[in-house]
Each structure stands twice: as C-alpha cells, then as structure tokens.
Amino acid sequence: QVQLVESGGGLVQAGGSLSLSCAASGSFFSINAMGWYRQAPGKQREVVATITTGGKITYTDSVKGRFTISRDNAKSTVVLQMNSLKPEDTAVYYCRIIILPRDYWGQGTQVTVSS
C-alpha cells in the first residue's frame, strides 16, 4: 500500500510564495514520474508540473518562470515551490506519483491567493 501526504497549502496574498510538499510512504521499490495537479472551482483538474526519475521537467505554460518542481528520491518526496502567486493560481493542489503499473494521488491541499 502506498500513501501520499501533502503539506504546505494555505492563504497568501498575490505576489507571495508557498511551498507544497508531498511525501510517499509504503512498500515500493522506486517511483517513476511525480507531479502536481490542481483543480479550481468549476474547472477540470489540470497538470501543473511533472518530473521524471531522470529529472525531465515539464510545466504548464501559466506557471513557467514562477513555479519550480523538484524531487528527492532518497526521501520519496516531491516539492512544488510557487513564487509570484496570482489569484488565478487558487485551487486545490494534488500530488500524483506513478509506481508502475499504476498511479497514486494525494488528498489535496488548498492554495488560496488573495488579490
């Protein structure tokens, strides 16, 4: 069984920063891709950033230059550093990891950016 625990969400003013962390625990050999997704009210869940085992990173266009994703394989964690936050970044953020052949999702953490 694999469990994900997210932390770091909260309320911040526009222009501020937050760091989200996701730690995986359980019985597994290695984690393949890791990533962060978000879902705003009334909208579909969208990918924010992903990082592979080899370190290949992708970002959705709206966060490029503001968000940074990183992972610590020894600690089975993935971190999303969010800077220059905007009100449109407000959403529930979810961690997702892939341990083949399936994926696992965190419980979600609320990020609210006030204008």
C-alpha atoms as a PDB file:
ATOM      1  CA  GLN A   1       0.000   0.000   0.000  1.00  0.00           C
ATOM      2  CA  VAL A   2       1.270   3.428  -0.937  1.00  0.00           C
ATOM      3  CA  GLN A   3       0.228   6.602   0.853  1.00  0.00           C
ATOM      4  CA  LEU A   4       0.862  10.212  -0.049  1.00  0.00           C
ATOM      5  CA  VAL A   5       0.841  13.017   2.478  1.00  0.00           C
ATOM      6  CA  GLU A   6       0.738  16.574   1.245  1.00  0.00           C
ATOM      7  CA  SER A   7       1.532  19.698   3.181  1.00  0.00           C
ATOM      8  CA  GLY A   8       2.164  23.379   2.684  1.00  0.00           C
ATOM      9  CA  GLY A   9      -1.048  24.847   1.331  1.00  0.00           C
ATOM     10  CA  GLY A  10      -2.647  27.959   2.722  1.00  0.00           C
ATOM     11  CA  LEU A  11      -3.668  31.549   2.149  1.00  0.00           C
ATOM     12  CA  VAL A  12      -1.272  34.045   0.644  1.00  0.00           C
ATOM     13  CA  GLN A  13      -1.501  37.469  -0.939  1.00  0.00           C
ATOM     14  CA  ALA A  14      -0.859  37.948  -4.626  1.00  0.00           C
ATOM     15  CA  GLY A  15       2.857  38.104  -5.284  1.00  0.00           C
ATOM     16  CA  GLY A  16       3.639  35.855  -2.361  1.00  0.00           C
ATOM     17  CA  SER A  17       5.124  32.382  -2.199  1.00  0.00           C
ATOM     18  CA  LEU A  18       4.171  28.953  -0.946  1.00  0.00           C
ATOM     19  CA  SER A  19       5.918  25.612  -0.989  1.00  0.00           C
ATOM     20  CA  LEU A  20       3.986  22.361  -1.310  1.00  0.00           C
ATOM     21  CA  SER A  21       5.490  19.057  -0.264  1.00  0.00           C
ATOM     22  CA  CYS A  22       4.351  15.508  -0.912  1.00  0.00           C
ATOM     23  CA  ALA A  23       5.868  12.504   0.815  1.00  0.00           C
ATOM     24  CA  ALA A  24       5.247   8.941  -0.282  1.00  0.00           C
ATOM     25  CA  SER A  25       5.374   6.032   2.119  1.00  0.00           C
ATOM     26  CA  GLY A  26       4.674   2.341   1.906  1.00  0.00           C
ATOM     27  CA  SER A  27       6.083  -0.657   0.176  1.00  0.00           C
ATOM     28  CA  PHE A  28       7.567   0.091  -3.200  1.00  0.00           C
ATOM     29  CA  PHE A  29      10.868  -0.202  -4.996  1.00  0.00           C
ATOM     30  CA  SER A  30      11.034   3.076  -6.865  1.00  0.00           C
ATOM     31  CA  ILE A  31       8.866   5.923  -8.035  1.00  0.00           C
ATOM     32  CA  ASN A  32       8.659   6.754 -11.694  1.00  0.00           C
ATOM     33  CA  ALA A  33       7.142  10.135 -12.531  1.00  0.00           C
ATOM     34  CA  MET A  34       5.965  12.589  -9.882  1.00  0.00           C
ATOM     35  CA  GLY A  35       3.844  15.641 -10.377  1.00  0.00           C
ATOM     36  CA  TRP A  36       1.457  18.282  -9.161  1.00  0.00           C
ATOM     37  CA  TYR A  37      -2.038  18.931 -10.468  1.00  0.00           C
ATOM     38  CA  ARG A  38      -4.658  21.451  -9.497  1.00  0.00           C
ATOM     39  CA  GLN A  39      -8.374  21.887  -9.690  1.00  0.00           C
ATOM     40  CA  ALA A  40     -10.064  25.247  -9.375  1.00  0.00           C
ATOM     41  CA  PRO A  41     -13.776  25.544  -8.560  1.00  0.00           C
ATOM     42  CA  GLY A  42     -15.887  24.721 -11.587  1.00  0.00           C
ATOM     43  CA  LYS A  43     -12.894  23.653 -13.644  1.00  0.00           C
ATOM     44  CA  GLN A  44     -11.288  20.393 -14.632  1.00  0.00           C
ATOM     45  CA  ARG A  45      -8.175  19.127 -12.933  1.00  0.00           C
ATOM     46  CA  GLU A  46      -5.074  20.208 -14.824  1.00  0.00           C
ATOM     47  CA  VAL A  47      -1.413  19.306 -14.705  1.00  0.00           C
ATOM     48  CA  VAL A  48       0.848  21.948 -13.186  1.00  0.00           C
ATOM     49  CA  ALA A  49       4.281  20.348 -13.259  1.00  0.00           C
ATOM     50  CA  THR A  50       5.833  16.916 -13.623  1.00  0.00           C
ATOM     51  CA  ILE A  51       9.277  15.438 -13.090  1.00  0.00           C
ATOM     52  CA  THR A  52      10.546  12.047 -14.184  1.00  0.00           C
ATOM     53  CA  THR A  53      13.026   9.762 -12.483  1.00  0.00           C
ATOM     54  CA  GLY A  54      15.691  11.084 -14.794  1.00  0.00           C
ATOM     55  CA  GLY A  55      14.875  14.675 -13.932  1.00  0.00           C
ATOM     56  CA  LYS A  56      12.971  15.702 -17.043  1.00  0.00           C
ATOM     57  CA  ILE A  57      10.625  18.517 -16.054  1.00  0.00           C
ATOM     58  CA  THR A  58       7.538  19.956 -17.665  1.00  0.00           C
ATOM     59  CA  TYR A  59       5.392  22.911 -16.633  1.00  0.00           C
ATOM     60  CA  THR A  60       2.079  24.176 -17.808  1.00  0.00           C
ATOM     61  CA  ASP A  61       2.552  27.492 -19.576  1.00  0.00           C
ATOM     62  CA  SER A  62       0.776  29.576 -16.975  1.00  0.00           C
ATOM     63  CA  VAL A  63       3.307  28.735 -14.240  1.00  0.00           C
ATOM     64  CA  LYS A  64       6.560  28.775 -16.193  1.00  0.00           C
ATOM     65  CA  GLY A  65       9.095  31.054 -14.578  1.00  0.00           C
ATOM     66  CA  ARG A  66       7.143  31.175 -11.321  1.00  0.00           C
ATOM     67  CA  PHE A  67       6.910  27.570 -10.099  1.00  0.00           C
ATOM     68  CA  THR A  68       9.705  25.074  -9.569  1.00  0.00           C
ATOM     69  CA  ILE A  69       9.259  21.350  -9.098  1.00  0.00           C
ATOM     70  CA  SER A  70      11.901  19.159  -7.504  1.00  0.00           C
ATOM     71  CA  ARG A  71      12.170  15.681  -6.096  1.00  0.00           C
ATOM     72  CA  ASP A  72      14.249  13.852  -3.531  1.00  0.00           C
ATOM     73  CA  ASN A  73      14.386  10.202  -4.491  1.00  0.00           C
ATOM     74  CA  ALA A  74      16.007   9.142  -1.223  1.00  0.00           C
ATOM     75  CA  LYS A  75      13.120  10.644   0.739  1.00  0.00           C
ATOM     76  CA  SER A  76      10.423   9.841  -1.840  1.00  0.00           C
ATOM     77  CA  THR A  77       9.266  13.422  -1.841  1.00  0.00           C
ATOM     78  CA  VAL A  78       8.301  15.974  -4.443  1.00  0.00           C
ATOM     79  CA  VAL A  79       8.176  19.693  -3.781  1.00  0.00           C
ATOM     80  CA  LEU A  80       6.486  22.493  -5.669  1.00  0.00           C
ATOM     81  CA  GLN A  81       7.902  25.929  -4.936  1.00  0.00           C
ATOM     82  CA  MET A  82       5.425  28.569  -6.017  1.00  0.00           C
ATOM     83  CA  ASN A  83       6.523  32.182  -6.349  1.00  0.00           C
ATOM     84  CA  SER A  84       4.801  35.303  -7.651  1.00  0.00           C
ATOM     85  CA  LEU A  85       1.457  33.733  -6.949  1.00  0.00           C
ATOM     86  CA  LYS A  86      -1.623  35.089  -8.678  1.00  0.00           C
ATOM     87  CA  PRO A  87      -5.305  34.864  -7.749  1.00  0.00           C
ATOM     88  CA  GLU A  88      -5.805  32.540 -10.709  1.00  0.00           C
ATOM     89  CA  ASP A  89      -3.481  30.038  -9.012  1.00  0.00           C
ATOM     90  CA  THR A  90      -6.176  29.467  -6.401  1.00  0.00           C
ATOM     91  CA  ALA A  91      -7.111  25.787  -6.439  1.00  0.00           C
ATOM     92  CA  VAL A  92      -6.818  22.506  -4.649  1.00  0.00           C
ATOM     93  CA  TYR A  93      -3.398  21.108  -5.466  1.00  0.00           C
ATOM     94  CA  TYR A  94      -2.884  17.358  -5.748  1.00  0.00           C
ATOM     95  CA  CYS A  95       0.282  15.330  -5.758  1.00  0.00           C
ATOM     96  CA  ARG A  96       0.429  12.381  -8.117  1.00  0.00           C
ATOM     97  CA  ILE A  97       3.079   9.688  -8.372  1.00  0.00           C
ATOM     98  CA  ILE A  98       3.476   6.793 -10.748  1.00  0.00           C
ATOM     99  CA  ILE A  99       4.732   3.481  -9.485  1.00  0.00           C
ATOM    100  CA  LEU A 100       4.214   1.227 -12.420  1.00  0.00           C
ATOM    101  CA  PRO A 101       1.784  -0.072 -13.331  1.00  0.00           C
ATOM    102  CA  ARG A 102      -0.485   2.419 -11.529  1.00  0.00           C
ATOM    103  CA  ASP A 103      -0.650   5.918 -10.162  1.00  0.00           C
ATOM    104  CA  TYR A 104      -1.442   7.298  -6.721  1.00  0.00           C
ATOM    105  CA  TRP A 105      -2.962  10.612  -5.663  1.00  0.00           C
ATOM    106  CA  GLY A 106      -2.640  12.717  -2.556  1.00  0.00           C
ATOM    107  CA  GLN A 107      -5.618  14.045  -0.666  1.00  0.00           C
ATOM    108  CA  GLY A 108      -5.215  17.577  -1.956  1.00  0.00           C
ATOM    109  CA  THR A 109      -4.199  20.805  -0.289  1.00  0.00           C
ATOM    110  CA  GLN A 110      -5.930  24.149  -0.702  1.00  0.00           C
ATOM    111  CA  VAL A 111      -4.000  27.103  -2.053  1.00  0.00           C
ATOM    112  CA  THR A 112      -5.796  30.443  -1.941  1.00  0.00           C
ATOM    113  CA  VAL A 113      -4.269  33.592  -3.381  1.00  0.00           C
ATOM    114  CA  SER A 114      -5.960  36.846  -2.456  1.00  0.00           C
ATOM    115  CA  SER A 115      -5.781  39.927  -4.638  1.00  0.00           C
END
